[in-house]
Amino acid sequence: MNSPLNSHPVLPLTPRHGVATLSGYGIQVRVDRGHLFVEDGIGADRRQARFARIGHGLKRLIVIGSDGMVSLAALRWLVDQDAAFLMLDRDGSVLATTGPVRPSDARLRRAQQQRSITG
């Protein structure tokens, strides 16, 4: 993970409570040999993580900022793992979001709509 030319160590990025947050510049979210690879940071201060398809514990990936890349394969990897993806601007506004798709329950939606009208 560390380049011999880079004198700064690359720090591990560990999710907390199933949530990994990326920020900085040159953010990368991609798939490499079936694993989700993520990298963030500013300048030489970088963090990296690699998540296997099994046992990763990742429930949500949050990207703060818009400098970097997210591959389509990475978005598909997150969907296959029932993990959500959120992209926020530096001011906190939502730029993009995905999440696990669940079957829709028409009875539940009807009850929620009725409740909002009468409540």
N, C-alpha and C. Protein backbone atom coordinates (compact mmCIF):
# COMPACT_ATOMS: atom_id res chain seq x y z
N MET A 1 0.80 -1.18 0.00
CA MET A 1 0.00 0.00 0.00
C MET A 1 0.85 1.26 0.00
N ASN A 2 2.00 1.24 0.66
CA ASN A 2 2.86 2.41 0.70
C ASN A 2 3.83 2.37 -0.47
N SER A 3 4.03 3.53 -1.08
CA SER A 3 4.99 3.65 -2.15
C SER A 3 6.36 3.89 -1.55
N PRO A 4 7.43 3.26 -2.09
CA PRO A 4 8.75 3.49 -1.54
C PRO A 4 9.19 4.95 -1.71
N LEU A 5 8.63 5.66 -2.69
CA LEU A 5 8.98 7.06 -2.90
C LEU A 5 8.22 7.98 -1.98
N ASN A 6 7.17 7.49 -1.36
CA ASN A 6 6.33 8.30 -0.48
C ASN A 6 6.81 8.12 0.96
N SER A 7 7.26 9.22 1.58
CA SER A 7 7.76 9.12 2.94
C SER A 7 6.63 9.11 3.97
N HIS A 8 5.42 9.44 3.55
CA HIS A 8 4.28 9.45 4.45
C HIS A 8 3.58 8.10 4.41
N PRO A 9 3.32 7.51 5.58
CA PRO A 9 2.60 6.22 5.58
C PRO A 9 1.13 6.42 5.20
N VAL A 10 0.57 5.43 4.55
CA VAL A 10 -0.86 5.45 4.23
C VAL A 10 -1.58 4.83 5.42
N LEU A 11 -2.49 5.57 5.99
CA LEU A 11 -3.21 5.12 7.17
C LEU A 11 -4.38 4.23 6.78
N PRO A 12 -4.73 3.27 7.62
CA PRO A 12 -5.91 2.46 7.32
C PRO A 12 -7.19 3.27 7.57
N LEU A 13 -8.20 2.99 6.81
CA LEU A 13 -9.50 3.63 6.98
C LEU A 13 -10.43 2.56 7.53
N THR A 14 -10.91 2.73 8.73
CA THR A 14 -11.78 1.72 9.33
C THR A 14 -13.17 2.29 9.56
N PRO A 15 -14.20 1.56 9.12
CA PRO A 15 -15.56 2.02 9.34
C PRO A 15 -15.93 1.98 10.82
N ARG A 16 -16.80 2.90 11.22
CA ARG A 16 -17.33 2.92 12.58
C ARG A 16 -18.82 2.63 12.51
N HIS A 17 -19.25 1.60 13.22
CA HIS A 17 -20.66 1.20 13.24
C HIS A 17 -21.19 0.95 11.83
N GLY A 18 -20.34 0.40 10.96
CA GLY A 18 -20.76 0.07 9.60
C GLY A 18 -20.71 1.22 8.62
N VAL A 19 -20.22 2.38 9.06
CA VAL A 19 -20.18 3.58 8.21
C VAL A 19 -18.74 3.97 7.94
N ALA A 20 -18.39 4.10 6.66
CA ALA A 20 -17.07 4.60 6.27
C ALA A 20 -17.29 5.97 5.62
N THR A 21 -16.52 6.96 6.06
CA THR A 21 -16.64 8.31 5.53
C THR A 21 -15.34 8.70 4.85
N LEU A 22 -15.47 9.14 3.60
CA LEU A 22 -14.32 9.57 2.81
C LEU A 22 -14.41 11.08 2.60
N SER A 23 -13.27 11.75 2.68
CA SER A 23 -13.23 13.19 2.41
C SER A 23 -11.85 13.56 1.91
N GLY A 24 -11.73 14.77 1.40
CA GLY A 24 -10.45 15.24 0.90
C GLY A 24 -10.48 15.40 -0.60
N TYR A 25 -9.33 15.16 -1.22
CA TYR A 25 -9.17 15.35 -2.66
C TYR A 25 -8.64 14.05 -3.27
N GLY A 26 -8.97 13.82 -4.51
CA GLY A 26 -8.51 12.61 -5.18
C GLY A 26 -9.11 11.35 -4.57
N ILE A 27 -10.35 11.46 -4.11
CA ILE A 27 -11.04 10.31 -3.52
C ILE A 27 -11.19 9.23 -4.58
N GLN A 28 -10.98 7.98 -4.20
CA GLN A 28 -11.17 6.85 -5.11
C GLN A 28 -12.10 5.83 -4.47
N VAL A 29 -13.07 5.38 -5.26
CA VAL A 29 -13.94 4.27 -4.86
C VAL A 29 -14.03 3.37 -6.08
N ARG A 30 -13.45 2.19 -6.00
CA ARG A 30 -13.42 1.30 -7.16
C ARG A 30 -13.36 -0.15 -6.69
N VAL A 31 -13.53 -1.05 -7.64
CA VAL A 31 -13.42 -2.48 -7.34
C VAL A 31 -12.10 -2.98 -7.89
N ASP A 32 -11.38 -3.73 -7.07
CA ASP A 32 -10.11 -4.31 -7.46
C ASP A 32 -10.11 -5.78 -7.05
N ARG A 33 -10.12 -6.68 -8.01
CA ARG A 33 -10.12 -8.13 -7.77
C ARG A 33 -11.26 -8.56 -6.85
N GLY A 34 -12.43 -7.97 -7.05
CA GLY A 34 -13.60 -8.36 -6.28
C GLY A 34 -13.76 -7.65 -4.95
N HIS A 35 -12.76 -6.89 -4.55
CA HIS A 35 -12.81 -6.13 -3.30
C HIS A 35 -13.15 -4.67 -3.61
N LEU A 36 -13.86 -4.02 -2.69
CA LEU A 36 -14.08 -2.59 -2.80
C LEU A 36 -12.85 -1.89 -2.24
N PHE A 37 -12.24 -1.04 -3.04
CA PHE A 37 -11.06 -0.29 -2.63
C PHE A 37 -11.45 1.17 -2.52
N VAL A 38 -11.13 1.79 -1.38
CA VAL A 38 -11.42 3.21 -1.18
C VAL A 38 -10.16 3.92 -0.70
N GLU A 39 -10.03 5.18 -1.09
CA GLU A 39 -8.89 5.99 -0.68
C GLU A 39 -9.35 7.44 -0.57
N ASP A 40 -8.85 8.13 0.44
CA ASP A 40 -9.16 9.55 0.59
C ASP A 40 -7.97 10.25 1.23
N GLY A 41 -8.13 11.55 1.47
CA GLY A 41 -7.09 12.32 2.15
C GLY A 41 -6.79 13.61 1.45
N ILE A 42 -5.82 14.30 2.01
CA ILE A 42 -5.37 15.57 1.45
C ILE A 42 -3.86 15.49 1.30
N GLY A 43 -3.38 15.75 0.09
CA GLY A 43 -1.94 15.71 -0.18
C GLY A 43 -1.36 14.34 0.12
N ALA A 44 -0.27 14.33 0.88
CA ALA A 44 0.41 13.08 1.21
C ALA A 44 -0.27 12.33 2.36
N ASP A 45 -1.18 13.00 3.05
CA ASP A 45 -1.91 12.35 4.16
C ASP A 45 -3.10 11.58 3.59
N ARG A 46 -2.89 10.31 3.30
CA ARG A 46 -3.89 9.48 2.64
C ARG A 46 -4.33 8.36 3.56
N ARG A 47 -5.57 7.88 3.34
CA ARG A 47 -6.09 6.70 4.03
C ARG A 47 -6.62 5.75 2.97
N GLN A 48 -6.52 4.46 3.25
CA GLN A 48 -7.01 3.44 2.31
C GLN A 48 -7.72 2.33 3.07
N ALA A 49 -8.63 1.67 2.36
CA ALA A 49 -9.26 0.47 2.90
C ALA A 49 -9.65 -0.44 1.75
N ARG A 50 -9.67 -1.72 2.04
CA ARG A 50 -10.09 -2.74 1.07
C ARG A 50 -11.11 -3.62 1.78
N PHE A 51 -12.30 -3.74 1.17
CA PHE A 51 -13.39 -4.52 1.76
C PHE A 51 -13.68 -5.74 0.91
N ALA A 52 -13.58 -6.92 1.50
CA ALA A 52 -13.92 -8.16 0.81
C ALA A 52 -15.44 -8.27 0.73
N ARG A 53 -15.94 -9.12 -0.14
CA ARG A 53 -17.39 -9.29 -0.28
C ARG A 53 -18.02 -9.93 0.95
N ILE A 54 -17.25 -10.65 1.72
CA ILE A 54 -17.79 -11.35 2.90
C ILE A 54 -17.12 -10.79 4.15
N GLY A 55 -17.94 -10.50 5.15
CA GLY A 55 -17.42 -10.09 6.43
C GLY A 55 -16.93 -8.66 6.52
N HIS A 56 -17.31 -7.82 5.58
CA HIS A 56 -16.82 -6.43 5.58
C HIS A 56 -17.53 -5.55 6.60
N GLY A 57 -18.80 -5.82 6.89
CA GLY A 57 -19.55 -5.03 7.87
C GLY A 57 -19.94 -3.64 7.41
N LEU A 58 -19.71 -3.33 6.16
CA LEU A 58 -20.01 -2.01 5.63
C LEU A 58 -21.50 -1.87 5.34
N LYS A 59 -22.13 -0.88 5.94
CA LYS A 59 -23.55 -0.62 5.72
C LYS A 59 -23.78 0.66 4.93
N ARG A 60 -22.83 1.59 5.04
CA ARG A 60 -23.00 2.88 4.38
C ARG A 60 -21.63 3.47 4.06
N LEU A 61 -21.50 3.98 2.83
CA LEU A 61 -20.28 4.67 2.41
C LEU A 61 -20.66 6.12 2.12
N ILE A 62 -20.04 7.04 2.84
CA ILE A 62 -20.33 8.46 2.67
C ILE A 62 -19.11 9.14 2.08
N VAL A 63 -19.31 9.89 1.00
CA VAL A 63 -18.25 10.66 0.36
C VAL A 63 -18.59 12.13 0.55
N ILE A 64 -17.67 12.88 1.15
CA ILE A 64 -17.85 14.32 1.34
C ILE A 64 -16.88 15.03 0.41
N GLY A 65 -17.43 15.73 -0.57
CA GLY A 65 -16.63 16.42 -1.57
C GLY A 65 -16.92 15.88 -2.95
N SER A 66 -16.31 16.52 -3.95
CA SER A 66 -16.57 16.12 -5.32
C SER A 66 -15.31 16.00 -6.16
N ASP A 67 -14.16 15.85 -5.51
CA ASP A 67 -12.92 15.69 -6.24
C ASP A 67 -12.45 14.24 -6.13
N GLY A 68 -12.59 13.51 -7.22
CA GLY A 68 -12.19 12.11 -7.22
C GLY A 68 -13.04 11.31 -8.17
N MET A 69 -13.11 10.01 -7.94
CA MET A 69 -13.88 9.14 -8.84
C MET A 69 -14.53 8.00 -8.08
N VAL A 70 -15.72 7.64 -8.56
CA VAL A 70 -16.46 6.48 -8.07
C VAL A 70 -16.82 5.67 -9.31
N SER A 71 -16.38 4.43 -9.37
CA SER A 71 -16.65 3.62 -10.56
C SER A 71 -18.05 3.01 -10.51
N LEU A 72 -18.58 2.68 -11.68
CA LEU A 72 -19.87 2.01 -11.76
C LEU A 72 -19.80 0.63 -11.10
N ALA A 73 -18.65 -0.04 -11.25
CA ALA A 73 -18.47 -1.34 -10.61
C ALA A 73 -18.54 -1.21 -9.09
N ALA A 74 -18.03 -0.10 -8.54
CA ALA A 74 -18.09 0.12 -7.09
C ALA A 74 -19.53 0.33 -6.64
N LEU A 75 -20.30 1.08 -7.40
CA LEU A 75 -21.71 1.27 -7.06
C LEU A 75 -22.45 -0.06 -7.11
N ARG A 76 -22.14 -0.89 -8.11
CA ARG A 76 -22.76 -2.21 -8.21
C ARG A 76 -22.35 -3.09 -7.02
N TRP A 77 -21.09 -3.03 -6.62
CA TRP A 77 -20.60 -3.78 -5.47
C TRP A 77 -21.40 -3.40 -4.23
N LEU A 78 -21.60 -2.11 -4.01
CA LEU A 78 -22.37 -1.65 -2.85
C LEU A 78 -23.82 -2.14 -2.91
N VAL A 79 -24.44 -2.09 -4.09
CA VAL A 79 -25.81 -2.58 -4.25
C VAL A 79 -25.88 -4.07 -3.92
N ASP A 80 -24.94 -4.84 -4.45
CA ASP A 80 -24.91 -6.28 -4.20
C ASP A 80 -24.74 -6.61 -2.71
N GLN A 81 -24.13 -5.71 -1.97
CA GLN A 81 -23.87 -5.91 -0.54
C GLN A 81 -24.92 -5.24 0.34
N ASP A 82 -25.98 -4.70 -0.26
CA ASP A 82 -27.03 -3.97 0.48
C ASP A 82 -26.45 -2.83 1.31
N ALA A 83 -25.47 -2.14 0.77
CA ALA A 83 -24.86 -0.99 1.44
C ALA A 83 -25.28 0.28 0.72
N ALA A 84 -25.54 1.33 1.47
CA ALA A 84 -25.95 2.61 0.91
C ALA A 84 -24.72 3.43 0.52
N PHE A 85 -24.91 4.35 -0.43
CA PHE A 85 -23.87 5.28 -0.87
C PHE A 85 -24.46 6.68 -0.80
N LEU A 86 -23.75 7.60 -0.16
CA LEU A 86 -24.17 8.99 -0.10
C LEU A 86 -23.01 9.88 -0.52
N MET A 87 -23.30 10.86 -1.35
CA MET A 87 -22.30 11.85 -1.73
C MET A 87 -22.81 13.21 -1.29
N LEU A 88 -22.04 13.85 -0.42
CA LEU A 88 -22.42 15.14 0.12
C LEU A 88 -21.44 16.21 -0.35
N ASP A 89 -21.97 17.42 -0.57
CA ASP A 89 -21.10 18.55 -0.86
C ASP A 89 -20.45 18.98 0.44
N ARG A 90 -19.43 19.78 0.37
CA ARG A 90 -18.74 20.20 1.58
C ARG A 90 -19.64 21.00 2.53
N ASP A 91 -20.71 21.59 2.00
CA ASP A 91 -21.64 22.33 2.85
C ASP A 91 -22.73 21.43 3.44
N GLY A 92 -22.67 20.13 3.14
CA GLY A 92 -23.62 19.17 3.69
C GLY A 92 -24.80 18.86 2.81
N SER A 93 -24.94 19.57 1.68
CA SER A 93 -26.07 19.27 0.79
C SER A 93 -25.84 17.95 0.06
N VAL A 94 -26.93 17.24 -0.18
CA VAL A 94 -26.87 15.91 -0.81
C VAL A 94 -26.68 16.07 -2.31
N LEU A 95 -25.66 15.41 -2.85
CA LEU A 95 -25.41 15.42 -4.29
C LEU A 95 -25.91 14.15 -4.95
N ALA A 96 -25.77 13.01 -4.26
CA ALA A 96 -26.22 11.73 -4.82
C ALA A 96 -26.43 10.74 -3.68
N THR A 97 -27.34 9.82 -3.89
CA THR A 97 -27.58 8.79 -2.89
C THR A 97 -28.12 7.54 -3.55
N THR A 98 -27.75 6.40 -3.01
CA THR A 98 -28.32 5.12 -3.40
C THR A 98 -28.54 4.34 -2.12
N GLY A 99 -29.33 3.32 -2.22
CA GLY A 99 -29.54 2.50 -1.03
C GLY A 99 -30.13 1.18 -1.42
N PRO A 100 -30.19 0.28 -0.46
CA PRO A 100 -30.78 -1.03 -0.73
C PRO A 100 -32.22 -0.88 -1.19
N VAL A 101 -32.58 -1.63 -2.20
CA VAL A 101 -33.95 -1.61 -2.73
C VAL A 101 -34.74 -2.69 -2.01
N ARG A 102 -35.82 -2.31 -1.44
CA ARG A 102 -36.69 -3.24 -0.72
C ARG A 102 -38.01 -3.36 -1.47
N PRO A 103 -38.67 -4.51 -1.35
CA PRO A 103 -39.99 -4.64 -1.95
C PRO A 103 -40.94 -3.61 -1.35
N SER A 104 -41.79 -3.06 -2.18
CA SER A 104 -42.73 -2.05 -1.73
C SER A 104 -43.99 -2.70 -1.16
N ASP A 105 -44.47 -2.20 -0.05
CA ASP A 105 -45.68 -2.70 0.58
C ASP A 105 -46.76 -1.64 0.42
N ALA A 106 -47.69 -1.87 -0.51
CA ALA A 106 -48.74 -0.90 -0.81
C ALA A 106 -49.61 -0.61 0.41
N ARG A 107 -49.89 -1.61 1.23
CA ARG A 107 -50.71 -1.39 2.43
C ARG A 107 -50.03 -0.44 3.40
N LEU A 108 -48.72 -0.60 3.57
CA LEU A 108 -47.97 0.27 4.46
C LEU A 108 -47.97 1.70 3.93
N ARG A 109 -47.72 1.88 2.63
CA ARG A 109 -47.74 3.23 2.05
C ARG A 109 -49.10 3.88 2.20
N ARG A 110 -50.18 3.11 1.97
CA ARG A 110 -51.54 3.63 2.12
C ARG A 110 -51.81 4.08 3.56
N ALA A 111 -51.39 3.25 4.53
CA ALA A 111 -51.57 3.58 5.93
C ALA A 111 -50.76 4.83 6.31
N GLN A 112 -49.54 4.96 5.79
CA GLN A 112 -48.72 6.14 6.07
C GLN A 112 -49.35 7.40 5.46
N GLN A 113 -49.87 7.26 4.25
CA GLN A 113 -50.51 8.41 3.59
C GLN A 113 -51.74 8.82 4.37
N GLN A 114 -52.56 7.85 4.76
CA GLN A 114 -53.79 8.15 5.51
C GLN A 114 -53.44 8.83 6.84
N ARG A 115 -52.38 8.35 7.48
CA ARG A 115 -51.95 8.92 8.76
C ARG A 115 -51.50 10.37 8.59
N SER A 116 -50.82 10.66 7.49
CA SER A 116 -50.33 12.03 7.28
C SER A 116 -51.48 12.99 6.98
N ILE A 117 -52.57 12.48 6.39
CA ILE A 117 -53.73 13.32 6.10
C ILE A 117 -54.53 13.61 7.38
N THR A 118 -54.70 12.57 8.22
CA THR A 118 -55.52 12.74 9.42
C THR A 118 -54.72 13.23 10.62
N GLY A 119 -53.37 13.10 10.57
CA GLY A 119 -52.53 13.42 11.72
C GLY A 119 -52.13 14.83 11.74
